C-alpha atoms as a PDB file:
ATOM      1  CA  MET A   1       0.000   0.000   0.000  1.00  0.00           C
ATOM      2  CA  GLY A   2       1.039   3.603  -0.377  1.00  0.00           C
ATOM      3  CA  GLU A   3       1.755   5.214   2.970  1.00  0.00           C
ATOM      4  CA  TRP A   4      -0.041   8.358   4.085  1.00  0.00           C
ATOM      5  CA  ARG A   5       0.608  11.307   6.370  1.00  0.00           C
ATOM      6  CA  MET A   6      -1.825  13.762   7.929  1.00  0.00           C
ATOM      7  CA  LEU A   7      -0.668  17.363   7.597  1.00  0.00           C
ATOM      8  CA  THR A   8      -2.150  19.729  10.177  1.00  0.00           C
ATOM      9  CA  THR A   9      -1.772  23.468   9.638  1.00  0.00           C
ATOM     10  CA  ILE A  10      -2.955  26.164  12.053  1.00  0.00           C
ATOM     11  CA  VAL A  11      -3.173  29.677  10.622  1.00  0.00           C
ATOM     12  CA  PRO A  12      -5.207  32.847  11.284  1.00  0.00           C
ATOM     13  CA  ARG A  13      -8.879  32.737  10.300  1.00  0.00           C
ATOM     14  CA  GLY A  14      -9.344  33.280   6.589  1.00  0.00           C
ATOM     15  CA  ALA A  15      -5.987  31.838   5.528  1.00  0.00           C
ATOM     16  CA  GLY A  16      -7.053  28.205   5.794  1.00  0.00           C
ATOM     17  CA  GLU A  17      -8.636  28.104   2.353  1.00  0.00           C
ATOM     18  CA  LYS A  18      -5.460  29.453   0.727  1.00  0.00           C
ATOM     19  CA  VAL A  19      -3.308  26.923   2.553  1.00  0.00           C
ATOM     20  CA  ALA A  20      -5.641  24.064   1.643  1.00  0.00           C
ATOM     21  CA  ARG A  21      -5.677  25.051  -2.028  1.00  0.00           C
ATOM     22  CA  ALA A  22      -1.886  25.229  -2.097  1.00  0.00           C
ATOM     23  CA  ALA A  23      -1.688  21.758  -0.558  1.00  0.00           C
ATOM     24  CA  VAL A  24      -4.057  20.360  -3.196  1.00  0.00           C
ATOM     25  CA  ALA A  25      -2.091  21.988  -6.025  1.00  0.00           C
ATOM     26  CA  ALA A  26       1.064  20.326  -4.688  1.00  0.00           C
ATOM     27  CA  GLY A  27      -0.474  16.858  -4.600  1.00  0.00           C
ATOM     28  CA  ALA A  28      -2.711  16.542  -1.545  1.00  0.00           C
ATOM     29  CA  GLY A  29      -6.050  14.960  -2.346  1.00  0.00           C
ATOM     30  CA  GLY A  30      -8.280  17.509  -0.634  1.00  0.00           C
ATOM     31  CA  GLY A  31      -8.741  19.037   2.764  1.00  0.00           C
ATOM     32  CA  THR A  32     -10.949  19.899   5.693  1.00  0.00           C
ATOM     33  CA  VAL A  33     -10.969  23.192   7.584  1.00  0.00           C
ATOM     34  CA  MET A  34     -12.024  23.456  11.227  1.00  0.00           C
ATOM     35  CA  LEU A  35     -12.446  26.624  13.260  1.00  0.00           C
ATOM     36  CA  GLY A  36     -10.568  27.326  16.455  1.00  0.00           C
ATOM     37  CA  ARG A  37      -8.823  30.043  18.417  1.00  0.00           C
ATOM     38  CA  GLY A  38      -5.367  30.469  19.851  1.00  0.00           C
ATOM     39  CA  THR A  39      -4.918  31.108  23.573  1.00  0.00           C
ATOM     40  CA  ALA A  40      -1.147  31.467  23.971  1.00  0.00           C
ATOM     41  CA  PRO A  41      -0.010  34.716  25.673  1.00  0.00           C
ATOM     42  CA  GLY A  42       3.228  36.585  25.220  1.00  0.00           C
ATOM     43  CA  ALA A  43       4.865  38.695  22.523  1.00  0.00           C
ATOM     44  CA  ILE A  44       6.782  35.804  20.992  1.00  0.00           C
ATOM     45  CA  MET A  45       3.673  33.656  20.642  1.00  0.00           C
ATOM     46  CA  GLN A  46       1.795  36.593  19.155  1.00  0.00           C
ATOM     47  CA  PHE A  47       4.623  37.022  16.659  1.00  0.00           C
ATOM     48  CA  LEU A  48       4.306  33.355  15.690  1.00  0.00           C
ATOM     49  CA  GLY A  49       0.604  33.803  15.098  1.00  0.00           C
ATOM     50  CA  LEU A  50      -0.377  31.664  18.088  1.00  0.00           C
ATOM     51  CA  GLY A  51      -1.932  34.368  20.224  1.00  0.00           C
ATOM     52  CA  GLU A  52      -5.566  34.705  21.215  1.00  0.00           C
ATOM     53  CA  ARG A  53      -7.026  35.012  17.722  1.00  0.00           C
ATOM     54  CA  ALA A  54      -9.505  33.123  15.571  1.00  0.00           C
ATOM     55  CA  LYS A  55      -7.808  30.239  13.759  1.00  0.00           C
ATOM     56  CA  ASP A  56      -8.317  27.942  10.795  1.00  0.00           C
ATOM     57  CA  ILE A  57      -7.168  24.365  11.397  1.00  0.00           C
ATOM     58  CA  VAL A  58      -6.512  22.645   8.084  1.00  0.00           C
ATOM     59  CA  LEU A  59      -6.281  18.852   7.729  1.00  0.00           C
ATOM     60  CA  ASN A  60      -4.797  17.362   4.554  1.00  0.00           C
ATOM     61  CA  LEU A  61      -4.202  13.658   3.957  1.00  0.00           C
ATOM     62  CA  VAL A  62      -1.132  13.312   1.771  1.00  0.00           C
ATOM     63  CA  GLU A  63       0.641  10.355   0.232  1.00  0.00           C
ATOM     64  CA  ALA A  64       3.987  10.035   2.011  1.00  0.00           C
ATOM     65  CA  ALA A  65       5.940  10.427  -1.225  1.00  0.00           C
ATOM     66  CA  LYS A  66       4.324  13.839  -1.781  1.00  0.00           C
ATOM     67  CA  ALA A  67       4.436  15.062   1.834  1.00  0.00           C
ATOM     68  CA  GLU A  68       7.617  17.118   1.497  1.00  0.00           C
ATOM     69  CA  ALA A  69       6.412  18.942  -1.623  1.00  0.00           C
ATOM     70  CA  VAL A  70       3.035  19.632  -0.027  1.00  0.00           C
ATOM     71  CA  GLY A  71       4.714  20.941   3.120  1.00  0.00           C
ATOM     72  CA  VAL A  72       6.824  23.355   1.072  1.00  0.00           C
ATOM     73  CA  ALA A  73       3.722  24.573  -0.792  1.00  0.00           C
ATOM     74  CA  VAL A  74       1.882  25.154   2.476  1.00  0.00           C
ATOM     75  CA  ARG A  75       4.767  27.174   3.911  1.00  0.00           C
ATOM     76  CA  MET A  76       4.989  29.278   0.763  1.00  0.00           C
ATOM     77  CA  ALA A  77       1.233  29.911   0.748  1.00  0.00           C
ATOM     78  CA  ALA A  78       1.282  30.954   4.394  1.00  0.00           C
ATOM     79  CA  ALA A  79       4.211  33.285   3.789  1.00  0.00           C
ATOM     80  CA  LYS A  80       2.500  34.845   0.761  1.00  0.00           C
ATOM     81  CA  ALA A  81      -0.650  35.411   2.823  1.00  0.00           C
ATOM     82  CA  ARG A  82       1.450  36.716   5.739  1.00  0.00           C
ATOM     83  CA  ALA A  83      -0.260  34.105   7.856  1.00  0.00           C
ATOM     84  CA  ARG A  84       1.907  33.102  10.802  1.00  0.00           C
ATOM     85  CA  GLY A  85       1.144  29.769  12.422  1.00  0.00           C
ATOM     86  CA  ILE A  86       2.385  26.205  12.702  1.00  0.00           C
ATOM     87  CA  ALA A  87       2.276  23.034  10.616  1.00  0.00           C
ATOM     88  CA  PHE A  88       3.111  19.451  11.522  1.00  0.00           C
ATOM     89  CA  SER A  89       2.516  15.992  10.099  1.00  0.00           C
ATOM     90  CA  THR A  90       1.608  12.629  11.590  1.00  0.00           C
ATOM     91  CA  GLU A  91       2.115   9.144  10.184  1.00  0.00           C
ATOM     92  CA  VAL A  92      -1.241   7.572   9.308  1.00  0.00           C
ATOM     93  CA  GLU A  93      -1.665   3.937  10.328  1.00  0.00           C
ATOM     94  CA  ALA A  94      -4.906   3.241   8.426  1.00  0.00           C
ATOM     95  CA  PHE A  95      -6.857   4.958   5.682  1.00  0.00           C
ATOM     96  CA  ALA A  96     -10.192   4.182   3.996  1.00  0.00           C
ATOM     97  CA  ARG A  97     -12.483   6.243   1.808  1.00  0.00           C
ATOM     98  CA  SER A  98     -16.226   5.868   1.355  1.00  0.00           C
ATOM     99  CA  GLY A  99     -17.643   3.851  -1.507  1.00  0.00           C
ATOM    100  CA  ASN A 100     -14.527   1.665  -1.655  1.00  0.00           C
ATOM    101  CA  SER A 101     -15.306  -2.040  -1.306  1.00  0.00           C
ATOM    102  CA  GLY A 102     -11.630  -2.929  -0.934  1.00  0.00           C
ATOM    103  CA  LYS A 103      -9.853  -3.466   2.347  1.00  0.00           C
ATOM    104  CA  THR A 104      -8.731  -0.627   4.585  1.00  0.00           C
ATOM    105  CA  GLU A 105      -5.120   0.316   3.869  1.00  0.00           C
ATOM    106  CA  TRP A 106      -2.990  -0.330   6.959  1.00  0.00           C
ATOM    107  CA  ARG A 107       0.593   0.831   7.219  1.00  0.00           C
ATOM    108  CA  GLU A 108       3.048  -2.053   7.231  1.00  0.00           C
ATOM    109  CA  ALA A 109       4.552  -2.767  10.645  1.00  0.00           C
ATOM    110  CA  LYS A 110       7.960  -1.153  11.074  1.00  0.00           C
ATOM    111  CA  MET A 111       8.809  -1.987  14.661  1.00  0.00           C
ATOM    112  CA  SER A 112       9.398  -5.335  16.325  1.00  0.00           C
ATOM    113  CA  GLY A 113       6.175  -6.603  17.861  1.00  0.00           C
ATOM    114  CA  GLU A 114       4.095  -3.883  16.203  1.00  0.00           C
ATOM    115  CA  CYS A 115       0.897  -5.125  14.564  1.00  0.00           C
ATOM    116  CA  ALA A 116      -0.588  -3.541  11.470  1.00  0.00           C
ATOM    117  CA  ASN A 117      -4.053  -3.642  13.050  1.00  0.00           C
ATOM    118  CA  GLY A 118      -3.143  -1.306  15.875  1.00  0.00           C
ATOM    119  CA  GLY A 119      -1.059  -3.422  18.230  1.00  0.00           C
ATOM    120  CA  GLU A 120      -0.668  -2.233  21.797  1.00  0.00           C
ATOM    121  CA  GLY A 121      -1.226   1.270  23.141  1.00  0.00           C
ATOM    122  CA  ARG A 122      -3.855   3.736  21.967  1.00  0.00           C
ATOM    123  CA  MET A 123      -4.973   4.771  18.507  1.00  0.00           C
ATOM    124  CA  ALA A 124      -6.691   8.012  17.492  1.00  0.00           C
ATOM    125  CA  ILE A 125      -9.387   7.420  14.876  1.00  0.00           C
ATOM    126  CA  MET A 126     -10.774  10.304  12.831  1.00  0.00           C
ATOM    127  CA  ALA A 127     -13.792  10.098  10.537  1.00  0.00           C
ATOM    128  CA  ILE A 128     -14.749  13.017   8.289  1.00  0.00           C
ATOM    129  CA  VAL A 129     -18.335  12.675   7.088  1.00  0.00           C
ATOM    130  CA  ASN A 130     -21.059  14.862   5.657  1.00  0.00           C
ATOM    131  CA  LYS A 131     -22.914  16.948   8.227  1.00  0.00           C
ATOM    132  CA  ASP A 132     -25.271  15.128  10.630  1.00  0.00           C
ATOM    133  CA  TYR A 133     -23.742  11.671  10.072  1.00  0.00           C
ATOM    134  CA  ALA A 134     -21.198  11.724  12.907  1.00  0.00           C
ATOM    135  CA  ASP A 135     -23.698  10.330  15.431  1.00  0.00           C
ATOM    136  CA  ASP A 136     -24.334   7.313  13.189  1.00  0.00           C
ATOM    137  CA  ALA A 137     -20.600   6.711  12.868  1.00  0.00           C
ATOM    138  CA  LEU A 138     -20.129   7.059  16.626  1.00  0.00           C
ATOM    139  CA  ALA A 139     -22.932   4.582  17.375  1.00  0.00           C
ATOM    140  CA  ALA A 140     -21.249   2.020  15.118  1.00  0.00           C
ATOM    141  CA  ALA A 141     -17.877   2.707  16.725  1.00  0.00           C
ATOM    142  CA  ARG A 142     -19.289   2.135  20.218  1.00  0.00           C
ATOM    143  CA  LYS A 143     -20.690  -1.239  19.175  1.00  0.00           C
ATOM    144  CA  ALA A 144     -17.167  -2.139  18.033  1.00  0.00           C
ATOM    145  CA  GLY A 145     -15.619  -1.210  21.379  1.00  0.00           C
ATOM    146  CA  ALA A 146     -15.100   2.562  21.372  1.00  0.00           C
ATOM    147  CA  GLY A 147     -15.821   4.277  24.672  1.00  0.00           C
ATOM    148  CA  GLY A 148     -16.969   7.556  23.137  1.00  0.00           C
ATOM    149  CA  GLY A 149     -15.889  10.334  20.840  1.00  0.00           C
ATOM    150  CA  THR A 150     -15.877  14.039  20.099  1.00  0.00           C
ATOM    151  CA  VAL A 151     -17.666  15.678  17.167  1.00  0.00           C
ATOM    152  CA  LEU A 152     -16.261  18.822  15.551  1.00  0.00           C
ATOM    153  CA  GLN A 153     -17.809  21.014  12.878  1.00  0.00           C
ATOM    154  CA  ALA A 154     -15.797  21.760   9.749  1.00  0.00           C
ATOM    155  CA  ARG A 155     -16.062  22.419   6.035  1.00  0.00           C
ATOM    156  CA  GLY A 156     -14.627  20.613   3.045  1.00  0.00           C
ATOM    157  CA  THR A 157     -12.379  22.318   0.507  1.00  0.00           C
ATOM    158  CA  ALA A 158     -12.267  19.783  -2.344  1.00  0.00           C
ATOM    159  CA  SER A 159     -12.932  20.874  -5.915  1.00  0.00           C
ATOM    160  CA  GLU A 160     -14.489  18.570  -8.501  1.00  0.00           C
ATOM    161  CA  ASP A 161     -11.039  17.496  -9.670  1.00  0.00           C
ATOM    162  CA  ASP A 162      -9.910  16.843  -6.103  1.00  0.00           C
ATOM    163  CA  ALA A 163     -13.019  14.773  -5.376  1.00  0.00           C
ATOM    164  CA  ALA A 164     -12.130  12.330  -8.128  1.00  0.00           C
ATOM    165  CA  PHE A 165      -8.848  11.572  -6.374  1.00  0.00           C
ATOM    166  CA  PHE A 166      -9.598  12.165  -2.707  1.00  0.00           C
ATOM    167  CA  GLY A 167     -13.140  10.806  -2.589  1.00  0.00           C
ATOM    168  CA  VAL A 168     -14.769  13.726  -0.777  1.00  0.00           C
ATOM    169  CA  LYS A 169     -17.867  15.275  -2.389  1.00  0.00           C
ATOM    170  CA  LEU A 170     -18.510  18.971  -2.638  1.00  0.00           C
ATOM    171  CA  VAL A 171     -20.649  19.183   0.482  1.00  0.00           C
ATOM    172  CA  PRO A 172     -19.407  22.263   2.366  1.00  0.00           C
ATOM    173  CA  GLU A 173     -20.451  21.280   5.885  1.00  0.00           C
ATOM    174  CA  LYS A 174     -18.620  18.372   7.498  1.00  0.00           C
ATOM    175  CA  ASP A 175     -18.670  16.552  10.812  1.00  0.00           C
ATOM    176  CA  VAL A 176     -15.324  15.383  12.160  1.00  0.00           C
ATOM    177  CA  LEU A 177     -15.514  12.517  14.640  1.00  0.00           C
ATOM    178  CA  VAL A 178     -12.464  11.907  16.846  1.00  0.00           C
ATOM    179  CA  ILE A 179     -12.132   8.710  18.890  1.00  0.00           C
ATOM    180  CA  VAL A 180      -9.275   7.419  21.047  1.00  0.00           C
ATOM    181  CA  ALA A 181      -9.386   3.643  21.522  1.00  0.00           C
ATOM    182  CA  ASP A 182      -7.242   0.691  22.533  1.00  0.00           C
ATOM    183  CA  GLY A 183      -4.975  -0.401  19.706  1.00  0.00           C
ATOM    184  CA  ASP A 184      -6.398  -3.909  19.551  1.00  0.00           C
ATOM    185  CA  LYS A 185      -9.881  -2.463  18.927  1.00  0.00           C
ATOM    186  CA  ALA A 186      -8.853   0.059  16.273  1.00  0.00           C
ATOM    187  CA  ALA A 187      -9.306  -2.184  13.237  1.00  0.00           C
ATOM    188  CA  GLY A 188     -12.801  -3.229  14.324  1.00  0.00           C
ATOM    189  CA  ILE A 189     -13.835   0.373  14.940  1.00  0.00           C
ATOM    190  CA  VAL A 190     -12.547   1.556  11.569  1.00  0.00           C
ATOM    191  CA  GLU A 191     -14.358  -1.266   9.776  1.00  0.00           C
ATOM    192  CA  ALA A 192     -17.576  -0.610  11.735  1.00  0.00           C
ATOM    193  CA  ILE A 193     -17.561   3.023  10.607  1.00  0.00           C
ATOM    194  CA  ARG A 194     -16.834   1.984   7.018  1.00  0.00           C
ATOM    195  CA  ALA A 195     -19.852  -0.342   7.081  1.00  0.00           C
ATOM    196  CA  GLU A 196     -22.275   2.482   7.901  1.00  0.00           C
ATOM    197  CA  PRO A 197     -24.756   3.525   5.171  1.00  0.00           C
ATOM    198  CA  CYS A 198     -23.317   7.046   5.249  1.00  0.00           C
ATOM    199  CA  PHE A 199     -20.069   5.562   3.878  1.00  0.00           C
ATOM    200  CA  ALA A 200     -21.693   3.512   1.146  1.00  0.00           C
ATOM    201  CA  GLU A 201     -21.835   6.330  -1.389  1.00  0.00           C
ATOM    202  CA  LYS A 202     -18.539   7.213  -3.015  1.00  0.00           C
ATOM    203  CA  GLY A 203     -17.340  10.639  -1.989  1.00  0.00           C
ATOM    204  CA  SER A 204     -19.249  10.871   1.295  1.00  0.00           C
ATOM    205  CA  GLY A 205     -16.297  10.659   3.682  1.00  0.00           C
ATOM    206  CA  ILE A 206     -13.001   9.229   4.851  1.00  0.00           C
ATOM    207  CA  VAL A 207     -11.755   7.513   8.000  1.00  0.00           C
ATOM    208  CA  PHE A 208      -8.168   7.170   9.151  1.00  0.00           C
ATOM    209  CA  ALA A 209      -6.203   6.277  12.257  1.00  0.00           C
ATOM    210  CA  PHE A 210      -2.882   7.244  13.801  1.00  0.00           C
ATOM    211  CA  ARG A 211      -1.043   6.419  17.001  1.00  0.00           C
ATOM    212  CA  ALA A 212      -1.900   8.396  20.146  1.00  0.00           C
ATOM    213  CA  GLU A 213       1.396   8.787  21.971  1.00  0.00           C
ATOM    214  CA  ALA A 214       1.810   9.767  25.632  1.00  0.00           C
ATOM    215  CA  PHE A 215      -1.891   9.087  26.263  1.00  0.00           C
ATOM    216  CA  THR A 216      -3.195  10.362  29.616  1.00  0.00           C
ATOM    217  CA  ALA A 217      -6.701  10.252  31.078  1.00  0.00           C
ATOM    218  CA  LEU A 218      -7.410  13.604  32.745  1.00  0.00           C
ATOM    219  CA  GLY A 219      -9.463  14.107  35.877  1.00  0.00           C
ATOM    220  CA  SER A 220      -8.941  10.628  37.277  1.00  0.00           C
END
């Protein structure tokens, strides 16, 4: 399988669309923009664009071979827009798109004792679906062993050309479902979400998973 990375970019509100378009032009398959706000105090953090301001959080799934080129394009777009912020990437363990009857693509194990279906530890699972379908995906995930999840509101950025590659339809409003689960349950949860009717139609969403490192339960 081709390996994937998730590129996360945080920039001031209004710059997310420009960053996402630059990523697509450089080879990313599409993108999702979420809204947030920075809370970091101090002159240095303000200079970096991480102060208390409205933010766009851009998610792009990128084939690993194209990740460097996409990262360069994102940095150039941010500089051109004078949008200070941060960008980082995460190795994706599993990736599946809606309307695909084939198997979920799992990253090949690279460490001794590491299993391609999640192995030990925790996995973060993210499903991006059309608006109002996150609850259905979460219900399926719970039946497969997930303890719960968080739903975020976002918007898609794919054009018609992007949709043909990335598999995300031009439906502006999106729900983003985030779940943290035991590694040995990750494969079952991903497949349960894929089996939902909201994933049957090609272009209606994607689901992917990555390792949750340094996991801590708060308030216990």
